[in-house]
Amino acid sequence: MGIEGFFEGLGEAIGAAIRYVVDALKGIFDWIIIAGYNFLEGLSSALGIDRSVLGIGGLIVGLVLIVTAFRAFFRRAVVSGLIWLFLGLWLLSWLIY
C-alpha cells in the first residue's frame, strides 16, 4: 500500500508539472496569435486592403516589385527600374481602395 501511494503521488506531481507547462505554452501561443491578428488588422485597415491571404500576399509582392525597381535604379538600369516600379505601383494601387 505504501508503494502505490508513493507512485500515485509521483504521477500526480508529474502530471501537474506537465499541465503547468502546457498551460504556459498555450498562453504564450495565444498571445502571439492575438498580436499577429491585431497587427494584420491594423495594417489592413491603415492601408485599406482586405485582410485576407490574397490581399496580404499581393501587398508583399507589390513591395518586392518596388524593392526590385530600386535595386535596378542602383545598377543604373533605368528602363527596367521604371518597368518594375510601374508594376509594383500598379499592383499596390489595385489593392488599396
PDB file of N, CA and C in Angstrom:
ATOM      1  N   MET A   1       0.804  -1.190   0.000  1.00  0.00           N
ATOM      2  CA  MET A   1       0.000   0.000   0.000  1.00  0.00           C
ATOM      3  C   MET A   1       0.851   1.259   0.000  1.00  0.00           C
ATOM      4  N   GLY A   2       1.975   1.235   0.664  1.00  0.00           N
ATOM      5  CA  GLY A   2       2.835   2.404   0.734  1.00  0.00           C
ATOM      6  C   GLY A   2       3.448   2.740  -0.606  1.00  0.00           C
ATOM      7  N   ILE A   3       3.811   1.708  -1.370  1.00  0.00           N
ATOM      8  CA  ILE A   3       4.419   1.931  -2.684  1.00  0.00           C
ATOM      9  C   ILE A   3       3.395   2.513  -3.648  1.00  0.00           C
ATOM     10  N   GLU A   4       2.154   2.017  -3.616  1.00  0.00           N
ATOM     11  CA  GLU A   4       1.116   2.525  -4.506  1.00  0.00           C
ATOM     12  C   GLU A   4       0.848   3.995  -4.230  1.00  0.00           C
ATOM     13  N   GLY A   5       0.811   4.386  -2.995  1.00  0.00           N
ATOM     14  CA  GLY A   5       0.597   5.789  -2.646  1.00  0.00           C
ATOM     15  C   GLY A   5       1.741   6.669  -3.125  1.00  0.00           C
ATOM     16  N   PHE A   6       2.967   6.151  -3.034  1.00  0.00           N
ATOM     17  CA  PHE A   6       4.126   6.923  -3.487  1.00  0.00           C
ATOM     18  C   PHE A   6       4.055   7.179  -4.987  1.00  0.00           C
ATOM     19  N   PHE A   7       3.772   6.135  -5.774  1.00  0.00           N
ATOM     20  CA  PHE A   7       3.724   6.300  -7.222  1.00  0.00           C
ATOM     21  C   PHE A   7       2.511   7.115  -7.663  1.00  0.00           C
ATOM     22  N   GLU A   8       1.439   7.009  -6.913  1.00  0.00           N
ATOM     23  CA  GLU A   8       0.278   7.832  -7.224  1.00  0.00           C
ATOM     24  C   GLU A   8       0.605   9.313  -7.010  1.00  0.00           C
ATOM     25  N   GLY A   9       1.265   9.611  -5.925  1.00  0.00           N
ATOM     26  CA  GLY A   9       1.665  10.996  -5.656  1.00  0.00           C
ATOM     27  C   GLY A   9       2.686  11.497  -6.665  1.00  0.00           C
ATOM     28  N   LEU A  10       3.618  10.609  -7.036  1.00  0.00           N
ATOM     29  CA  LEU A  10       4.616  10.979  -8.041  1.00  0.00           C
ATOM     30  C   LEU A  10       3.947  11.261  -9.388  1.00  0.00           C
ATOM     31  N   GLY A  11       2.993  10.429  -9.764  1.00  0.00           N
ATOM     32  CA  GLY A  11       2.261  10.636 -11.018  1.00  0.00           C
ATOM     33  C   GLY A  11       1.470  11.936 -11.006  1.00  0.00           C
ATOM     34  N   GLU A  12       0.843  12.246  -9.874  1.00  0.00           N
ATOM     35  CA  GLU A  12       0.102  13.499  -9.774  1.00  0.00           C
ATOM     36  C   GLU A  12       1.034  14.704  -9.868  1.00  0.00           C
ATOM     37  N   ALA A  13       2.207  14.605  -9.257  1.00  0.00           N
ATOM     38  CA  ALA A  13       3.162  15.716  -9.306  1.00  0.00           C
ATOM     39  C   ALA A  13       3.677  15.931 -10.729  1.00  0.00           C
ATOM     40  N   ILE A  14       4.015  14.848 -11.405  1.00  0.00           N
ATOM     41  CA  ILE A  14       4.493  14.970 -12.788  1.00  0.00           C
ATOM     42  C   ILE A  14       3.370  15.475 -13.694  1.00  0.00           C
ATOM     43  N   GLY A  15       2.167  14.977 -13.489  1.00  0.00           N
ATOM     44  CA  GLY A  15       1.021  15.438 -14.276  1.00  0.00           C
ATOM     45  C   GLY A  15       0.740  16.915 -14.062  1.00  0.00           C
ATOM     46  N   ALA A  16       0.860  17.378 -12.812  1.00  0.00           N
ATOM     47  CA  ALA A  16       0.647  18.796 -12.529  1.00  0.00           C
ATOM     48  C   ALA A  16       1.725  19.650 -13.190  1.00  0.00           C
ATOM     49  N   ALA A  17       2.967  19.167 -13.194  1.00  0.00           N
ATOM     50  CA  ALA A  17       4.056  19.913 -13.834  1.00  0.00           C
ATOM     51  C   ALA A  17       3.840  19.992 -15.341  1.00  0.00           C
ATOM     52  N   ILE A  18       3.436  18.882 -15.942  1.00  0.00           N
ATOM     53  CA  ILE A  18       3.172  18.872 -17.386  1.00  0.00           C
ATOM     54  C   ILE A  18       2.005  19.800 -17.708  1.00  0.00           C
ATOM     55  N   ARG A  19       0.976  19.763 -16.880  1.00  0.00           N
ATOM     56  CA  ARG A  19      -0.188  20.631 -17.084  1.00  0.00           C
ATOM     57  C   ARG A  19       0.208  22.107 -17.009  1.00  0.00           C
ATOM     58  N   TYR A  20       1.089  22.447 -16.066  1.00  0.00           N
ATOM     59  CA  TYR A  20       1.558  23.822 -15.925  1.00  0.00           C
ATOM     60  C   TYR A  20       2.326  24.261 -17.175  1.00  0.00           C
ATOM     61  N   VAL A  21       3.191  23.401 -17.688  1.00  0.00           N
ATOM     62  CA  VAL A  21       3.972  23.729 -18.886  1.00  0.00           C
ATOM     63  C   VAL A  21       3.053  23.899 -20.090  1.00  0.00           C
ATOM     64  N   VAL A  22       2.085  23.005 -20.241  1.00  0.00           N
ATOM     65  CA  VAL A  22       1.159  23.085 -21.374  1.00  0.00           C
ATOM     66  C   VAL A  22       0.321  24.359 -21.292  1.00  0.00           C
ATOM     67  N   ASP A  23      -0.171  24.704 -20.107  1.00  0.00           N
ATOM     68  CA  ASP A  23      -0.948  25.933 -19.951  1.00  0.00           C
ATOM     69  C   ASP A  23      -0.101  27.170 -20.231  1.00  0.00           C
ATOM     70  N   ALA A  24       1.162  27.152 -19.806  1.00  0.00           N
ATOM     71  CA  ALA A  24       2.050  28.288 -20.074  1.00  0.00           C
ATOM     72  C   ALA A  24       2.308  28.431 -21.571  1.00  0.00           C
ATOM     73  N   LEU A  25       2.562  27.327 -22.258  1.00  0.00           N
ATOM     74  CA  LEU A  25       2.789  27.379 -23.703  1.00  0.00           C
ATOM     75  C   LEU A  25       1.535  27.827 -24.449  1.00  0.00           C
ATOM     76  N   LYS A  26       0.376  27.375 -23.994  1.00  0.00           N
ATOM     77  CA  LYS A  26      -0.872  27.797 -24.617  1.00  0.00           C
ATOM     78  C   LYS A  26      -1.057  29.302 -24.462  1.00  0.00           C
ATOM     79  N   GLY A  27      -0.746  29.823 -23.292  1.00  0.00           N
ATOM     80  CA  GLY A  27      -0.849  31.261 -23.082  1.00  0.00           C
ATOM     81  C   GLY A  27       0.097  32.046 -23.969  1.00  0.00           C
ATOM     82  N   ILE A  28       1.318  31.559 -24.113  1.00  0.00           N
ATOM     83  CA  ILE A  28       2.301  32.243 -24.965  1.00  0.00           C
ATOM     84  C   ILE A  28       1.854  32.219 -26.420  1.00  0.00           C
ATOM     85  N   PHE A  29       1.408  31.062 -26.905  1.00  0.00           N
ATOM     86  CA  PHE A  29       0.986  30.969 -28.303  1.00  0.00           C
ATOM     87  C   PHE A  29      -0.290  31.758 -28.555  1.00  0.00           C
ATOM     88  N   ASP A  30      -1.203  31.798 -27.584  1.00  0.00           N
ATOM     89  CA  ASP A  30      -2.394  32.633 -27.730  1.00  0.00           C
ATOM     90  C   ASP A  30      -2.007  34.104 -27.835  1.00  0.00           C
ATOM     91  N   TRP A  31      -1.033  34.530 -27.025  1.00  0.00           N
ATOM     92  CA  TRP A  31      -0.579  35.913 -27.063  1.00  0.00           C
ATOM     93  C   TRP A  31       0.027  36.245 -28.425  1.00  0.00           C
ATOM     94  N   ILE A  32       0.823  35.327 -28.978  1.00  0.00           N
ATOM     95  CA  ILE A  32       1.450  35.554 -30.285  1.00  0.00           C
ATOM     96  C   ILE A  32       0.388  35.621 -31.382  1.00  0.00           C
ATOM     97  N   ILE A  33      -0.601  34.744 -31.319  1.00  0.00           N
ATOM     98  CA  ILE A  33      -1.656  34.731 -32.331  1.00  0.00           C
ATOM     99  C   ILE A  33      -2.482  36.009 -32.267  1.00  0.00           C
ATOM    100  N   ILE A  34      -2.818  36.457 -31.062  1.00  0.00           N
ATOM    101  CA  ILE A  34      -3.599  37.687 -30.912  1.00  0.00           C
ATOM    102  C   ILE A  34      -2.798  38.891 -31.389  1.00  0.00           C
ATOM    103  N   ALA A  35      -1.498  38.924 -31.083  1.00  0.00           N
ATOM    104  CA  ALA A  35      -0.650  40.032 -31.542  1.00  0.00           C
ATOM    105  C   ALA A  35      -0.567  40.047 -33.065  1.00  0.00           C
ATOM    106  N   GLY A  36      -0.414  38.884 -33.682  1.00  0.00           N
ATOM    107  CA  GLY A  36      -0.371  38.812 -35.141  1.00  0.00           C
ATOM    108  C   GLY A  36      -1.688  39.231 -35.774  1.00  0.00           C
ATOM    109  N   TYR A  37      -2.787  38.807 -35.173  1.00  0.00           N
ATOM    110  CA  TYR A  37      -4.108  39.185 -35.683  1.00  0.00           C
ATOM    111  C   TYR A  37      -4.294  40.698 -35.606  1.00  0.00           C
ATOM    112  N   ASN A  38      -3.940  41.284 -34.461  1.00  0.00           N
ATOM    113  CA  ASN A  38      -4.089  42.729 -34.304  1.00  0.00           C
ATOM    114  C   ASN A  38      -3.166  43.497 -35.254  1.00  0.00           C
ATOM    115  N   PHE A  39      -1.951  42.978 -35.488  1.00  0.00           N
ATOM    116  CA  PHE A  39      -1.038  43.622 -36.432  1.00  0.00           C
ATOM    117  C   PHE A  39      -1.624  43.616 -37.836  1.00  0.00           C
ATOM    118  N   LEU A  40      -2.110  42.465 -38.290  1.00  0.00           N
ATOM    119  CA  LEU A  40      -2.683  42.387 -39.638  1.00  0.00           C
ATOM    120  C   LEU A  40      -3.953  43.215 -39.755  1.00  0.00           C
ATOM    121  N   GLU A  41      -4.739  43.265 -38.690  1.00  0.00           N
ATOM    122  CA  GLU A  41      -5.953  44.081 -38.696  1.00  0.00           C
ATOM    123  C   GLU A  41      -5.599  45.563 -38.826  1.00  0.00           C
ATOM    124  N   GLY A  42      -4.613  46.018 -38.056  1.00  0.00           N
ATOM    125  CA  GLY A  42      -4.198  47.418 -38.140  1.00  0.00           C
ATOM    126  C   GLY A  42      -3.567  47.758 -39.477  1.00  0.00           C
ATOM    127  N   LEU A  43      -2.736  46.860 -39.988  1.00  0.00           N
ATOM    128  CA  LEU A  43      -2.081  47.084 -41.282  1.00  0.00           C
ATOM    129  C   LEU A  43      -3.106  47.163 -42.399  1.00  0.00           C
ATOM    130  N   SER A  44      -4.047  46.236 -42.402  1.00  0.00           N
ATOM    131  CA  SER A  44      -5.036  46.223 -43.482  1.00  0.00           C
ATOM    132  C   SER A  44      -5.991  47.406 -43.387  1.00  0.00           C
ATOM    133  N   SER A  45      -6.350  47.824 -42.177  1.00  0.00           N
ATOM    134  CA  SER A  45      -7.245  48.978 -42.070  1.00  0.00           C
ATOM    135  C   SER A  45      -6.516  50.279 -42.392  1.00  0.00           C
ATOM    136  N   ALA A  46      -5.233  50.385 -42.058  1.00  0.00           N
ATOM    137  CA  ALA A  46      -4.480  51.604 -42.374  1.00  0.00           C
ATOM    138  C   ALA A  46      -4.250  51.741 -43.874  1.00  0.00           C
ATOM    139  N   LEU A  47      -4.009  50.629 -44.553  1.00  0.00           N
ATOM    140  CA  LEU A  47      -3.769  50.680 -45.993  1.00  0.00           C
ATOM    141  C   LEU A  47      -5.054  50.605 -46.809  1.00  0.00           C
ATOM    142  N   GLY A  48      -6.114  50.122 -46.198  1.00  0.00           N
ATOM    143  CA  GLY A  48      -7.370  49.996 -46.920  1.00  0.00           C
ATOM    144  C   GLY A  48      -7.425  48.771 -47.807  1.00  0.00           C
ATOM    145  N   ILE A  49      -6.782  47.679 -47.395  1.00  0.00           N
ATOM    146  CA  ILE A  49      -6.819  46.445 -48.178  1.00  0.00           C
ATOM    147  C   ILE A  49      -7.592  45.395 -47.399  1.00  0.00           C
ATOM    148  N   ASP A  50      -7.979  44.335 -48.111  1.00  0.00           N
ATOM    149  CA  ASP A  50      -8.674  43.233 -47.459  1.00  0.00           C
ATOM    150  C   ASP A  50      -7.713  42.472 -46.564  1.00  0.00           C
ATOM    151  N   ARG A  51      -8.231  42.004 -45.434  1.00  0.00           N
ATOM    152  CA  ARG A  51      -7.419  41.212 -44.512  1.00  0.00           C
ATOM    153  C   ARG A  51      -7.581  39.740 -44.877  1.00  0.00           C
ATOM    154  N   SER A  52      -7.022  39.389 -46.020  1.00  0.00           N
ATOM    155  CA  SER A  52      -7.064  38.010 -46.483  1.00  0.00           C
ATOM    156  C   SER A  52      -5.665  37.605 -46.921  1.00  0.00           C
ATOM    157  N   VAL A  53      -5.503  36.331 -47.172  1.00  0.00           N
ATOM    158  CA  VAL A  53      -4.202  35.837 -47.614  1.00  0.00           C
ATOM    159  C   VAL A  53      -3.843  36.451 -48.965  1.00  0.00           C
ATOM    160  N   LEU A  54      -4.823  36.589 -49.831  1.00  0.00           N
ATOM    161  CA  LEU A  54      -4.579  37.171 -51.152  1.00  0.00           C
ATOM    162  C   LEU A  54      -4.193  38.644 -51.049  1.00  0.00           C
ATOM    163  N   GLY A  55      -4.863  39.385 -50.180  1.00  0.00           N
ATOM    164  CA  GLY A  55      -4.546  40.799 -50.020  1.00  0.00           C
ATOM    165  C   GLY A  55      -3.168  41.025 -49.435  1.00  0.00           C
ATOM    166  N   ILE A  56      -2.824  40.286 -48.381  1.00  0.00           N
ATOM    167  CA  ILE A  56      -1.507  40.422 -47.759  1.00  0.00           C
ATOM    168  C   ILE A  56      -0.421  39.915 -48.712  1.00  0.00           C
ATOM    169  N   GLY A  57      -0.703  38.832 -49.430  1.00  0.00           N
ATOM    170  CA  GLY A  57       0.259  38.321 -50.414  1.00  0.00           C
ATOM    171  C   GLY A  57       0.495  39.323 -51.537  1.00  0.00           C
ATOM    172  N   GLY A  58      -0.573  39.968 -52.000  1.00  0.00           N
ATOM    173  CA  GLY A  58      -0.425  40.999 -53.025  1.00  0.00           C
ATOM    174  C   GLY A  58       0.375  42.188 -52.526  1.00  0.00           C
ATOM    175  N   LEU A  59       0.186  42.547 -51.267  1.00  0.00           N
ATOM    176  CA  LEU A  59       0.970  43.629 -50.671  1.00  0.00           C
ATOM    177  C   LEU A  59       2.451  43.281 -50.648  1.00  0.00           C
ATOM    178  N   ILE A  60       2.755  42.057 -50.263  1.00  0.00           N
ATOM    179  CA  ILE A  60       4.156  41.619 -50.214  1.00  0.00           C
ATOM    180  C   ILE A  60       4.762  41.606 -51.615  1.00  0.00           C
ATOM    181  N   VAL A  61       4.017  41.095 -52.592  1.00  0.00           N
ATOM    182  CA  VAL A  61       4.527  41.052 -53.970  1.00  0.00           C
ATOM    183  C   VAL A  61       4.744  42.467 -54.501  1.00  0.00           C
ATOM    184  N   GLY A  62       3.816  43.375 -54.219  1.00  0.00           N
ATOM    185  CA  GLY A  62       3.976  44.754 -54.665  1.00  0.00           C
ATOM    186  C   GLY A  62       5.194  45.427 -54.056  1.00  0.00           C
ATOM    187  N   LEU A  63       5.424  45.188 -52.766  1.00  0.00           N
ATOM    188  CA  LEU A  63       6.609  45.761 -52.122  1.00  0.00           C
ATOM    189  C   LEU A  63       7.892  45.157 -52.670  1.00  0.00           C
ATOM    190  N   VAL A  64       7.866  43.860 -52.982  1.00  0.00           N
ATOM    191  CA  VAL A  64       9.047  43.224 -53.579  1.00  0.00           C
ATOM    192  C   VAL A  64       9.321  43.816 -54.958  1.00  0.00           C
ATOM    193  N   LEU A  65       8.277  44.101 -55.727  1.00  0.00           N
ATOM    194  CA  LEU A  65       8.468  44.719 -57.042  1.00  0.00           C
ATOM    195  C   LEU A  65       9.087  46.112 -56.916  1.00  0.00           C
ATOM    196  N   ILE A  66       8.660  46.876 -55.917  1.00  0.00           N
ATOM    197  CA  ILE A  66       9.230  48.211 -55.722  1.00  0.00           C
ATOM    198  C   ILE A  66      10.684  48.119 -55.272  1.00  0.00           C
ATOM    199  N   VAL A  67      10.994  47.168 -54.402  1.00  0.00           N
ATOM    200  CA  VAL A  67      12.388  46.973 -53.983  1.00  0.00           C
ATOM    201  C   VAL A  67      13.243  46.565 -55.179  1.00  0.00           C
ATOM    202  N   THR A  68      12.705  45.713 -56.043  1.00  0.00           N
ATOM    203  CA  THR A  68      13.423  45.313 -57.256  1.00  0.00           C
ATOM    204  C   THR A  68      13.666  46.520 -58.162  1.00  0.00           C
ATOM    205  N   ALA A  69      12.697  47.429 -58.214  1.00  0.00           N
ATOM    206  CA  ALA A  69      12.876  48.641 -59.017  1.00  0.00           C
ATOM    207  C   ALA A  69      14.015  49.491 -58.467  1.00  0.00           C
ATOM    208  N   PHE A  70      14.077  49.661 -57.154  1.00  0.00           N
ATOM    209  CA  PHE A  70      15.164  50.455 -56.574  1.00  0.00           C
ATOM    210  C   PHE A  70      16.519  49.785 -56.773  1.00  0.00           C
ATOM    211  N   ARG A  71      16.549  48.469 -56.709  1.00  0.00           N
ATOM    212  CA  ARG A  71      17.809  47.766 -56.981  1.00  0.00           C
ATOM    213  C   ARG A  71      18.238  47.980 -58.433  1.00  0.00           C
ATOM    214  N   ALA A  72      17.268  48.007 -59.340  1.00  0.00           N
ATOM    215  CA  ALA A  72      17.600  48.261 -60.748  1.00  0.00           C
ATOM    216  C   ALA A  72      18.095  49.693 -60.932  1.00  0.00           C
ATOM    217  N   PHE A  73      17.494  50.644 -60.215  1.00  0.00           N
ATOM    218  CA  PHE A  73      17.965  52.026 -60.302  1.00  0.00           C
ATOM    219  C   PHE A  73      19.389  52.163 -59.778  1.00  0.00           C
ATOM    220  N   PHE A  74      19.723  51.434 -58.726  1.00  0.00           N
ATOM    221  CA  PHE A  74      21.088  51.494 -58.189  1.00  0.00           C
ATOM    222  C   PHE A  74      22.102  50.881 -59.152  1.00  0.00           C
ATOM    223  N   ARG A  75      21.650  49.951 -60.000  1.00  0.00           N
ATOM    224  CA  ARG A  75      22.527  49.365 -61.022  1.00  0.00           C
ATOM    225  C   ARG A  75      22.555  50.215 -62.289  1.00  0.00           C
ATOM    226  N   ARG A  76      21.872  51.347 -62.256  1.00  0.00           N
ATOM    227  CA  ARG A  76      21.756  52.280 -63.378  1.00  0.00           C
ATOM    228  C   ARG A  76      20.992  51.674 -64.558  1.00  0.00           C
ATOM    229  N   ALA A  77      20.079  50.783 -64.278  1.00  0.00           N
ATOM    230  CA  ALA A  77      19.202  50.215 -65.305  1.00  0.00           C
ATOM    231  C   ALA A  77      17.854  50.932 -65.195  1.00  0.00           C
ATOM    232  N   VAL A  78      17.775  52.088 -65.832  1.00  0.00           N
ATOM    233  CA  VAL A  78      16.630  52.972 -65.654  1.00  0.00           C
ATOM    234  C   VAL A  78      15.361  52.387 -66.264  1.00  0.00           C
ATOM    235  N   VAL A  79      15.458  51.821 -67.447  1.00  0.00           N
ATOM    236  CA  VAL A  79      14.261  51.306 -68.125  1.00  0.00           C
ATOM    237  C   VAL A  79      13.651  50.145 -67.343  1.00  0.00           C
ATOM    238  N   SER A  80      14.473  49.186 -66.949  1.00  0.00           N
ATOM    239  CA  SER A  80      13.928  48.062 -66.179  1.00  0.00           C
ATOM    240  C   SER A  80      13.458  48.530 -64.802  1.00  0.00           C
ATOM    241  N   GLY A  81      14.125  49.520 -64.233  1.00  0.00           N
ATOM    242  CA  GLY A  81      13.679  50.070 -62.957  1.00  0.00           C
ATOM    243  C   GLY A  81      12.312  50.709 -63.066  1.00  0.00           C
ATOM    244  N   LEU A  82      12.090  51.446 -64.149  1.00  0.00           N
ATOM    245  CA  LEU A  82      10.775  52.054 -64.357  1.00  0.00           C
ATOM    246  C   LEU A  82       9.697  51.000 -64.568  1.00  0.00           C
ATOM    247  N   ILE A  83      10.031  49.940 -65.294  1.00  0.00           N
ATOM    248  CA  ILE A  83       9.053  48.863 -65.516  1.00  0.00           C
ATOM    249  C   ILE A  83       8.681  48.206 -64.190  1.00  0.00           C
ATOM    250  N   TRP A  84       9.680  47.853 -63.378  1.00  0.00           N
ATOM    251  CA  TRP A  84       9.398  47.227 -62.083  1.00  0.00           C
ATOM    252  C   TRP A  84       8.621  48.178 -61.175  1.00  0.00           C
ATOM    253  N   LEU A  85       8.990  49.463 -61.201  1.00  0.00           N
ATOM    254  CA  LEU A  85       8.316  50.446 -60.358  1.00  0.00           C
ATOM    255  C   LEU A  85       6.852  50.598 -60.756  1.00  0.00           C
ATOM    256  N   PHE A  86       6.589  50.708 -62.050  1.00  0.00           N
ATOM    257  CA  PHE A  86       5.207  50.835 -62.502  1.00  0.00           C
ATOM    258  C   PHE A  86       4.394  49.577 -62.202  1.00  0.00           C
ATOM    259  N   LEU A  87       5.006  48.407 -62.337  1.00  0.00           N
ATOM    260  CA  LEU A  87       4.290  47.170 -61.995  1.00  0.00           C
ATOM    261  C   LEU A  87       3.955  47.121 -60.505  1.00  0.00           C
ATOM    262  N   GLY A  88       4.919  47.485 -59.668  1.00  0.00           N
ATOM    263  CA  GLY A  88       4.677  47.481 -58.227  1.00  0.00           C
ATOM    264  C   GLY A  88       3.624  48.488 -57.818  1.00  0.00           C
ATOM    265  N   LEU A  89       3.717  49.700 -58.362  1.00  0.00           N
ATOM    266  CA  LEU A  89       2.720  50.720 -58.031  1.00  0.00           C
ATOM    267  C   LEU A  89       1.345  50.363 -58.575  1.00  0.00           C
ATOM    268  N   TRP A  90       1.298  49.739 -59.748  1.00  0.00           N
ATOM    269  CA  TRP A  90       0.017  49.309 -60.308  1.00  0.00           C
ATOM    270  C   TRP A  90      -0.640  48.266 -59.414  1.00  0.00           C
ATOM    271  N   LEU A  91       0.164  47.303 -58.952  1.00  0.00           N
ATOM    272  CA  LEU A  91      -0.384  46.261 -58.085  1.00  0.00           C
ATOM    273  C   LEU A  91      -0.859  46.841 -56.761  1.00  0.00           C
ATOM    274  N   LEU A  92      -0.074  47.724 -56.162  1.00  0.00           N
ATOM    275  CA  LEU A  92      -0.477  48.314 -54.887  1.00  0.00           C
ATOM    276  C   LEU A  92      -1.687  49.228 -55.044  1.00  0.00           C
ATOM    277  N   SER A  93      -1.769  49.963 -56.150  1.00  0.00           N
ATOM    278  CA  SER A  93      -2.936  50.817 -56.356  1.00  0.00           C
ATOM    279  C   SER A  93      -4.186  49.988 -56.625  1.00  0.00           C
ATOM    280  N   TRP A  94      -4.013  48.802 -57.155  1.00  0.00           N
ATOM    281  CA  TRP A  94      -5.144  47.909 -57.386  1.00  0.00           C
ATOM    282  C   TRP A  94      -5.655  47.335 -56.065  1.00  0.00           C
ATOM    283  N   LEU A  95      -4.752  47.123 -55.113  1.00  0.00           N
ATOM    284  CA  LEU A  95      -5.140  46.545 -53.827  1.00  0.00           C
ATOM    285  C   LEU A  95      -5.763  47.568 -52.883  1.00  0.00           C
ATOM    286  N   ILE A  96      -5.203  48.764 -52.859  1.00  0.00           N
ATOM    287  CA  ILE A  96      -5.624  49.779 -51.891  1.00  0.00           C
ATOM    288  C   ILE A  96      -6.854  50.490 -52.427  1.00  0.00           C
ATOM    289  N   TYR A  97      -7.895  50.527 -51.608  1.00  0.00           N
ATOM    290  CA  TYR A  97      -9.114  51.231 -52.009  1.00  0.00           C
ATOM    291  C   TYR A  97      -9.525  52.218 -50.961  1.00  0.00           C
TER     292      TYR A  97
END
